[in-house]
Amino acid sequence: MSAVVEKVTTAVAGTAISLLAGAILRRIWKTATGAEPPALDDPEAPIRQAIVWLVLSSAGISALTLLTKRGTHRLLGRSWRSLNN
């Protein structure tokens, strides 16, 4: 049962953090550039801006998702160990 709870909790936390990270990264982009981030499927978007946005947003979201998953595993690992003792 603990494996299922851990997977569900990790998925929910990862999704929430990904959405939050995306919103934060869009706000940072807008503050830094004064414009909305380029839409990656927009052929009119400057290629340099699109690539920079793609790299920064992907790296930021991936890093936060990784940290969330590891933190969730640690937290739940401790919780389940303490419940089983």
Protein backbone atom coordinates (compact mmCIF):
# COMPACT_ATOMS: atom_id res chain seq x y z
CA MET A 1 0.00 0.00 0.00
CA SER A 2 2.80 2.45 0.79
CA ALA A 3 4.19 2.17 -2.76
CA VAL A 4 0.83 3.25 -4.23
CA VAL A 5 0.50 6.16 -1.81
CA GLU A 6 4.07 7.21 -2.57
CA LYS A 7 3.49 7.12 -6.34
CA VAL A 8 0.22 9.06 -6.14
CA THR A 9 1.65 11.65 -3.75
CA THR A 10 4.74 12.08 -5.90
CA ALA A 11 2.65 12.48 -9.05
CA VAL A 12 0.34 15.05 -7.47
CA ALA A 13 3.21 17.03 -5.94
CA GLY A 14 5.21 16.87 -9.19
CA THR A 15 2.29 18.14 -11.23
CA ALA A 16 1.59 20.98 -8.82
CA ILE A 17 5.25 22.02 -8.74
CA SER A 18 5.49 21.86 -12.55
CA LEU A 19 2.49 24.16 -12.94
CA LEU A 20 3.80 26.55 -10.29
CA ALA A 21 7.29 26.55 -11.80
CA GLY A 22 5.88 27.31 -15.25
CA ALA A 23 3.96 30.28 -13.90
CA ILE A 24 7.00 31.59 -12.02
CA LEU A 25 9.25 31.17 -15.05
CA ARG A 26 6.75 33.02 -17.28
CA ARG A 27 6.64 35.89 -14.79
CA ILE A 28 10.45 36.05 -14.61
CA TRP A 29 10.64 36.06 -18.42
CA LYS A 30 8.09 38.86 -18.65
CA THR A 31 9.89 40.90 -15.99
CA ALA A 32 13.27 40.43 -17.68
CA THR A 33 12.15 41.01 -21.28
CA GLY A 34 8.97 43.06 -20.95
CA ALA A 35 7.13 40.58 -23.19
CA GLU A 36 5.33 37.30 -22.83
CA PRO A 37 7.41 34.17 -23.49
CA PRO A 38 7.33 33.11 -27.13
CA ALA A 39 4.91 30.38 -28.14
CA LEU A 40 7.07 27.50 -29.32
CA ASP A 41 4.67 26.66 -32.14
CA ASP A 42 4.50 30.27 -33.42
CA PRO A 43 6.44 30.54 -36.71
CA GLU A 44 6.66 34.33 -36.24
CA ALA A 45 8.51 34.05 -32.90
CA PRO A 46 12.21 34.86 -33.18
CA ILE A 47 14.11 31.56 -33.19
CA ARG A 48 16.69 32.74 -30.64
CA GLN A 49 14.00 33.73 -28.13
CA ALA A 50 12.11 30.50 -28.70
CA ILE A 51 15.22 28.38 -28.10
CA VAL A 52 16.24 30.34 -25.00
CA TRP A 53 12.72 30.03 -23.58
CA LEU A 54 12.61 26.31 -24.38
CA VAL A 55 15.93 25.62 -22.64
CA LEU A 56 15.27 27.79 -19.58
CA SER A 57 11.72 26.61 -18.99
CA SER A 58 12.55 22.94 -19.55
CA ALA A 59 15.57 23.05 -17.26
CA GLY A 60 13.73 24.97 -14.54
CA ILE A 61 10.66 22.75 -14.53
CA SER A 62 12.73 19.56 -14.72
CA ALA A 63 14.97 20.61 -11.83
CA LEU A 64 12.03 21.52 -9.59
CA THR A 65 10.21 18.30 -10.49
CA LEU A 66 13.29 16.26 -9.61
CA LEU A 67 13.68 18.03 -6.28
CA THR A 68 9.98 17.54 -5.53
CA LYS A 69 10.12 13.82 -6.27
CA ARG A 70 13.21 13.33 -4.12
CA GLY A 71 11.74 15.37 -1.30
CA THR A 72 8.48 13.45 -1.46
CA HIS A 73 10.30 10.11 -1.38
CA ARG A 74 12.35 11.21 1.63
CA LEU A 75 9.32 12.58 3.46
CA LEU A 76 7.15 9.54 2.79
CA GLY A 77 10.02 7.18 3.49
CA ARG A 78 10.42 8.67 6.94
CA SER A 79 6.66 8.73 7.51
CA TRP A 80 6.14 5.09 6.56
CA ARG A 81 9.14 3.94 8.60
CA SER A 82 7.86 5.77 11.66
CA LEU A 83 4.35 4.31 11.20
CA ASN A 84 5.69 0.77 10.82
CA ASN A 85 7.79 0.93 14.00
